[in-house]
Amino acid sequence: MFIAYAVVGVLLAAVLTGSAVATFTRQEKVVGSMLGVGVPESWLPRLATLKAAGAVGLLVGLAIPLLGVAAAIGVILYFIGAAITHLRVKDYAIAPVVVILLIAVAALVLRLASA
């Protein structure tokens, strides 16, 4: 199970890192989507920091199981919030959010199973 967590955790960390960098650098596709669902522009640095922290936590979680569990839970909560934000404004193009959410759930289950 640990190898499965390592693969899922590293891939999820890569996605989160890419998304955090895109948010920090204000890439139109990512920032436009976030602003389009009503996220205040002042929140963007904080949200990018949360994604970056989740990525670091998942990677450190390879060595420290409890931190990997906490990071996976944090990522799950982040993307539940993202899904709710999209649904609140009736934006049903949430497939990427749901996919990342499901991958985060898989990371949590695998980390718990391999701890």
N, C-alpha and C. Protein backbone atom coordinates (compact mmCIF):
# COMPACT_ATOMS: atom_id res chain seq x y z
N MET A 1 0.80 -1.20 0.00
CA MET A 1 0.00 0.00 0.00
C MET A 1 0.85 1.27 0.00
N PHE A 2 2.04 1.20 0.60
CA PHE A 2 2.87 2.40 0.68
C PHE A 2 3.28 2.88 -0.71
N ILE A 3 3.61 1.95 -1.58
CA ILE A 3 4.02 2.35 -2.94
C ILE A 3 2.85 3.03 -3.65
N ALA A 4 1.65 2.51 -3.46
CA ALA A 4 0.47 3.13 -4.06
C ALA A 4 0.28 4.54 -3.51
N TYR A 5 0.43 4.71 -2.19
CA TYR A 5 0.33 6.05 -1.62
C TYR A 5 1.41 6.96 -2.19
N ALA A 6 2.62 6.44 -2.29
CA ALA A 6 3.73 7.25 -2.80
C ALA A 6 3.41 7.76 -4.21
N VAL A 7 2.91 6.90 -5.05
CA VAL A 7 2.59 7.30 -6.43
C VAL A 7 1.46 8.32 -6.43
N VAL A 8 0.38 8.02 -5.73
CA VAL A 8 -0.78 8.93 -5.71
C VAL A 8 -0.39 10.25 -5.02
N GLY A 9 0.32 10.16 -3.91
CA GLY A 9 0.71 11.36 -3.19
C GLY A 9 1.63 12.27 -3.99
N VAL A 10 2.59 11.69 -4.67
CA VAL A 10 3.52 12.49 -5.48
C VAL A 10 2.79 13.12 -6.67
N LEU A 11 1.94 12.36 -7.32
CA LEU A 11 1.18 12.93 -8.45
C LEU A 11 0.24 14.04 -7.99
N LEU A 12 -0.45 13.83 -6.87
CA LEU A 12 -1.33 14.86 -6.34
C LEU A 12 -0.53 16.09 -5.92
N ALA A 13 0.62 15.88 -5.33
CA ALA A 13 1.48 17.00 -4.94
C ALA A 13 1.93 17.80 -6.18
N ALA A 14 2.21 17.09 -7.27
CA ALA A 14 2.60 17.78 -8.51
C ALA A 14 1.46 18.64 -9.05
N VAL A 15 0.25 18.09 -9.02
CA VAL A 15 -0.92 18.85 -9.49
C VAL A 15 -1.15 20.08 -8.60
N LEU A 16 -1.07 19.88 -7.29
CA LEU A 16 -1.26 21.00 -6.37
C LEU A 16 -0.18 22.07 -6.54
N THR A 17 1.06 21.64 -6.75
CA THR A 17 2.15 22.58 -6.97
C THR A 17 1.91 23.39 -8.24
N GLY A 18 1.52 22.71 -9.31
CA GLY A 18 1.23 23.41 -10.55
C GLY A 18 0.10 24.41 -10.40
N SER A 19 -0.94 24.02 -9.69
CA SER A 19 -2.07 24.92 -9.47
C SER A 19 -1.66 26.10 -8.58
N ALA A 20 -0.86 25.84 -7.57
CA ALA A 20 -0.40 26.93 -6.69
C ALA A 20 0.46 27.91 -7.47
N VAL A 21 1.38 27.41 -8.28
CA VAL A 21 2.24 28.28 -9.09
C VAL A 21 1.38 29.09 -10.07
N ALA A 22 0.40 28.44 -10.68
CA ALA A 22 -0.48 29.15 -11.62
C ALA A 22 -1.27 30.25 -10.92
N THR A 23 -1.66 30.00 -9.69
CA THR A 23 -2.40 31.02 -8.94
C THR A 23 -1.46 32.14 -8.50
N PHE A 24 -0.29 31.80 -8.00
CA PHE A 24 0.68 32.83 -7.58
C PHE A 24 1.09 33.72 -8.75
N THR A 25 1.24 33.13 -9.94
CA THR A 25 1.68 33.90 -11.11
C THR A 25 0.51 34.47 -11.90
N ARG A 26 -0.68 34.30 -11.36
CA ARG A 26 -1.90 34.89 -11.96
C ARG A 26 -2.14 34.45 -13.40
N GLN A 27 -1.97 33.14 -13.66
CA GLN A 27 -2.26 32.63 -15.01
C GLN A 27 -3.77 32.69 -15.24
N GLU A 28 -4.14 33.24 -16.37
CA GLU A 28 -5.53 33.59 -16.65
C GLU A 28 -6.50 32.41 -16.51
N LYS A 29 -6.11 31.24 -16.98
CA LYS A 29 -7.04 30.10 -16.94
C LYS A 29 -7.44 29.75 -15.51
N VAL A 30 -6.48 29.71 -14.62
CA VAL A 30 -6.76 29.34 -13.23
C VAL A 30 -7.41 30.50 -12.48
N VAL A 31 -6.80 31.67 -12.56
CA VAL A 31 -7.32 32.82 -11.83
C VAL A 31 -8.69 33.23 -12.36
N GLY A 32 -8.87 33.17 -13.67
CA GLY A 32 -10.17 33.51 -14.26
C GLY A 32 -11.27 32.60 -13.76
N SER A 33 -10.97 31.33 -13.63
CA SER A 33 -11.95 30.38 -13.11
C SER A 33 -12.31 30.70 -11.66
N MET A 34 -11.29 30.99 -10.87
CA MET A 34 -11.53 31.28 -9.46
C MET A 34 -12.32 32.58 -9.29
N LEU A 35 -11.94 33.61 -10.01
CA LEU A 35 -12.65 34.88 -9.92
C LEU A 35 -14.06 34.75 -10.48
N GLY A 36 -14.22 33.89 -11.49
CA GLY A 36 -15.53 33.69 -12.11
C GLY A 36 -16.57 33.06 -11.20
N VAL A 37 -16.13 32.36 -10.18
CA VAL A 37 -17.08 31.75 -9.24
C VAL A 37 -17.21 32.58 -7.96
N GLY A 38 -16.63 33.77 -7.98
CA GLY A 38 -16.83 34.69 -6.86
C GLY A 38 -15.77 34.69 -5.79
N VAL A 39 -14.63 34.06 -6.05
CA VAL A 39 -13.54 34.09 -5.06
C VAL A 39 -12.94 35.50 -5.11
N PRO A 40 -12.88 36.18 -3.97
CA PRO A 40 -12.27 37.52 -3.96
C PRO A 40 -10.80 37.46 -4.34
N GLU A 41 -10.36 38.43 -5.09
CA GLU A 41 -8.97 38.45 -5.55
C GLU A 41 -7.99 38.46 -4.39
N SER A 42 -8.38 39.06 -3.28
CA SER A 42 -7.49 39.11 -2.11
C SER A 42 -7.25 37.73 -1.50
N TRP A 43 -8.09 36.75 -1.81
CA TRP A 43 -7.94 35.39 -1.28
C TRP A 43 -6.94 34.55 -2.08
N LEU A 44 -6.62 34.97 -3.30
CA LEU A 44 -5.80 34.14 -4.18
C LEU A 44 -4.45 33.75 -3.57
N PRO A 45 -3.70 34.67 -2.98
CA PRO A 45 -2.42 34.24 -2.39
C PRO A 45 -2.60 33.22 -1.26
N ARG A 46 -3.64 33.40 -0.45
CA ARG A 46 -3.90 32.46 0.65
C ARG A 46 -4.27 31.08 0.11
N LEU A 47 -5.11 31.05 -0.90
CA LEU A 47 -5.53 29.77 -1.46
C LEU A 47 -4.36 29.07 -2.14
N ALA A 48 -3.52 29.84 -2.82
CA ALA A 48 -2.33 29.25 -3.44
C ALA A 48 -1.40 28.69 -2.37
N THR A 49 -1.28 29.39 -1.26
CA THR A 49 -0.44 28.92 -0.16
C THR A 49 -1.00 27.63 0.43
N LEU A 50 -2.30 27.53 0.55
CA LEU A 50 -2.92 26.29 1.05
C LEU A 50 -2.62 25.11 0.12
N LYS A 51 -2.71 25.35 -1.19
CA LYS A 51 -2.40 24.27 -2.14
C LYS A 51 -0.93 23.87 -2.04
N ALA A 52 -0.06 24.85 -1.93
CA ALA A 52 1.37 24.55 -1.80
C ALA A 52 1.65 23.79 -0.50
N ALA A 53 1.00 24.19 0.58
CA ALA A 53 1.18 23.50 1.86
C ALA A 53 0.68 22.06 1.78
N GLY A 54 -0.43 21.86 1.07
CA GLY A 54 -0.93 20.50 0.88
C GLY A 54 0.06 19.64 0.12
N ALA A 55 0.67 20.21 -0.90
CA ALA A 55 1.67 19.47 -1.68
C ALA A 55 2.87 19.09 -0.81
N VAL A 56 3.36 20.05 -0.05
CA VAL A 56 4.50 19.76 0.83
C VAL A 56 4.12 18.71 1.87
N GLY A 57 2.94 18.84 2.44
CA GLY A 57 2.49 17.88 3.44
C GLY A 57 2.37 16.47 2.90
N LEU A 58 1.87 16.34 1.68
CA LEU A 58 1.78 15.01 1.07
C LEU A 58 3.15 14.40 0.86
N LEU A 59 4.11 15.21 0.45
CA LEU A 59 5.46 14.70 0.22
C LEU A 59 6.16 14.35 1.53
N VAL A 60 6.05 15.22 2.52
CA VAL A 60 6.64 14.93 3.82
C VAL A 60 5.92 13.73 4.45
N GLY A 61 4.66 13.56 4.09
CA GLY A 61 3.88 12.43 4.59
C GLY A 61 4.41 11.08 4.15
N LEU A 62 5.31 11.08 3.18
CA LEU A 62 5.97 9.83 2.81
C LEU A 62 6.82 9.32 3.97
N ALA A 63 7.40 10.24 4.72
CA ALA A 63 8.26 9.87 5.85
C ALA A 63 7.54 9.95 7.19
N ILE A 64 6.57 10.85 7.29
CA ILE A 64 5.85 11.05 8.55
C ILE A 64 4.36 10.79 8.28
N PRO A 65 3.89 9.57 8.56
CA PRO A 65 2.52 9.19 8.19
C PRO A 65 1.45 10.15 8.69
N LEU A 66 1.54 10.61 9.92
CA LEU A 66 0.51 11.50 10.46
C LEU A 66 0.40 12.80 9.67
N LEU A 67 1.52 13.30 9.22
CA LEU A 67 1.50 14.52 8.42
C LEU A 67 0.86 14.26 7.05
N GLY A 68 1.12 13.09 6.48
CA GLY A 68 0.48 12.73 5.22
C GLY A 68 -1.03 12.64 5.35
N VAL A 69 -1.49 12.08 6.47
CA VAL A 69 -2.93 12.01 6.73
C VAL A 69 -3.51 13.40 6.88
N ALA A 70 -2.85 14.25 7.67
CA ALA A 70 -3.34 15.62 7.87
C ALA A 70 -3.38 16.40 6.56
N ALA A 71 -2.35 16.24 5.74
CA ALA A 71 -2.30 16.94 4.46
C ALA A 71 -3.42 16.47 3.54
N ALA A 72 -3.64 15.17 3.48
CA ALA A 72 -4.71 14.64 2.63
C ALA A 72 -6.07 15.16 3.10
N ILE A 73 -6.28 15.20 4.41
CA ILE A 73 -7.55 15.74 4.93
C ILE A 73 -7.69 17.21 4.56
N GLY A 74 -6.61 17.96 4.68
CA GLY A 74 -6.65 19.37 4.30
C GLY A 74 -6.97 19.57 2.83
N VAL A 75 -6.38 18.76 1.97
CA VAL A 75 -6.65 18.87 0.53
C VAL A 75 -8.11 18.49 0.25
N ILE A 76 -8.60 17.47 0.92
CA ILE A 76 -10.01 17.08 0.76
C ILE A 76 -10.92 18.24 1.14
N LEU A 77 -10.66 18.85 2.29
CA LEU A 77 -11.50 19.97 2.73
C LEU A 77 -11.41 21.15 1.77
N TYR A 78 -10.21 21.42 1.25
CA TYR A 78 -10.04 22.51 0.29
C TYR A 78 -10.92 22.27 -0.94
N PHE A 79 -10.88 21.05 -1.47
CA PHE A 79 -11.61 20.80 -2.71
C PHE A 79 -13.10 20.57 -2.48
N ILE A 80 -13.50 20.21 -1.28
CA ILE A 80 -14.94 20.24 -0.95
C ILE A 80 -15.41 21.69 -0.99
N GLY A 81 -14.63 22.58 -0.42
CA GLY A 81 -14.95 24.00 -0.48
C GLY A 81 -14.99 24.52 -1.90
N ALA A 82 -14.06 24.07 -2.73
CA ALA A 82 -14.05 24.49 -4.14
C ALA A 82 -15.30 24.00 -4.86
N ALA A 83 -15.69 22.75 -4.60
CA ALA A 83 -16.91 22.20 -5.23
C ALA A 83 -18.14 22.98 -4.79
N ILE A 84 -18.22 23.27 -3.51
CA ILE A 84 -19.37 24.04 -3.00
C ILE A 84 -19.40 25.43 -3.63
N THR A 85 -18.24 26.05 -3.76
CA THR A 85 -18.16 27.38 -4.37
C THR A 85 -18.66 27.35 -5.81
N HIS A 86 -18.28 26.33 -6.57
CA HIS A 86 -18.75 26.21 -7.95
C HIS A 86 -20.26 25.99 -7.99
N LEU A 87 -20.74 25.09 -7.15
CA LEU A 87 -22.17 24.78 -7.16
C LEU A 87 -23.01 25.95 -6.68
N ARG A 88 -22.49 26.73 -5.75
CA ARG A 88 -23.21 27.88 -5.22
C ARG A 88 -23.58 28.87 -6.31
N VAL A 89 -22.70 29.03 -7.30
CA VAL A 89 -22.98 29.97 -8.39
C VAL A 89 -23.50 29.25 -9.64
N LYS A 90 -23.91 28.00 -9.44
CA LYS A 90 -24.47 27.18 -10.52
C LYS A 90 -23.48 26.98 -11.68
N ASP A 91 -22.21 26.84 -11.35
CA ASP A 91 -21.18 26.52 -12.33
C ASP A 91 -20.94 25.02 -12.22
N TYR A 92 -21.45 24.28 -13.19
CA TYR A 92 -21.40 22.82 -13.12
C TYR A 92 -20.18 22.24 -13.85
N ALA A 93 -19.26 23.07 -14.26
CA ALA A 93 -18.02 22.60 -14.89
C ALA A 93 -17.00 22.32 -13.79
N ILE A 94 -17.31 21.34 -12.95
CA ILE A 94 -16.47 21.08 -11.78
C ILE A 94 -15.74 19.74 -11.86
N ALA A 95 -15.65 19.19 -13.04
CA ALA A 95 -14.97 17.89 -13.19
C ALA A 95 -13.54 17.91 -12.65
N PRO A 96 -12.73 18.93 -12.96
CA PRO A 96 -11.37 18.92 -12.41
C PRO A 96 -11.36 18.94 -10.88
N VAL A 97 -12.25 19.71 -10.29
CA VAL A 97 -12.34 19.78 -8.83
C VAL A 97 -12.70 18.42 -8.26
N VAL A 98 -13.67 17.77 -8.85
CA VAL A 98 -14.12 16.46 -8.35
C VAL A 98 -13.03 15.41 -8.53
N VAL A 99 -12.33 15.44 -9.64
CA VAL A 99 -11.25 14.47 -9.87
C VAL A 99 -10.16 14.64 -8.83
N ILE A 100 -9.74 15.88 -8.57
CA ILE A 100 -8.70 16.11 -7.58
C ILE A 100 -9.20 15.72 -6.19
N LEU A 101 -10.46 16.01 -5.90
CA LEU A 101 -11.05 15.60 -4.62
C LEU A 101 -10.99 14.08 -4.45
N LEU A 102 -11.36 13.35 -5.48
CA LEU A 102 -11.34 11.88 -5.40
C LEU A 102 -9.91 11.35 -5.27
N ILE A 103 -8.97 11.98 -5.93
CA ILE A 103 -7.57 11.56 -5.80
C ILE A 103 -7.08 11.84 -4.38
N ALA A 104 -7.51 12.94 -3.79
CA ALA A 104 -7.13 13.25 -2.41
C ALA A 104 -7.73 12.23 -1.44
N VAL A 105 -8.96 11.81 -1.70
CA VAL A 105 -9.58 10.76 -0.87
C VAL A 105 -8.78 9.47 -1.01
N ALA A 106 -8.37 9.14 -2.23
CA ALA A 106 -7.56 7.94 -2.44
C ALA A 106 -6.23 8.06 -1.68
N ALA A 107 -5.62 9.23 -1.71
CA ALA A 107 -4.36 9.43 -0.98
C ALA A 107 -4.57 9.21 0.52
N LEU A 108 -5.66 9.73 1.04
CA LEU A 108 -5.96 9.54 2.47
C LEU A 108 -6.13 8.07 2.80
N VAL A 109 -6.94 7.38 2.02
CA VAL A 109 -7.19 5.95 2.28
C VAL A 109 -5.89 5.15 2.19
N LEU A 110 -5.11 5.43 1.18
CA LEU A 110 -3.84 4.69 1.01
C LEU A 110 -2.84 5.01 2.11
N ARG A 111 -2.80 6.26 2.55
CA ARG A 111 -1.88 6.62 3.64
C ARG A 111 -2.31 5.93 4.94
N LEU A 112 -3.62 5.92 5.19
CA LEU A 112 -4.12 5.22 6.39
C LEU A 112 -3.85 3.73 6.33
N ALA A 113 -3.99 3.16 5.15
CA ALA A 113 -3.79 1.71 4.99
C ALA A 113 -2.32 1.32 5.10
N SER A 114 -1.42 2.27 4.81
CA SER A 114 0.00 1.92 4.82
C SER A 114 0.74 2.42 6.07
N ALA A 115 0.02 3.09 6.95
CA ALA A 115 0.67 3.65 8.14
C ALA A 115 1.05 2.56 9.13
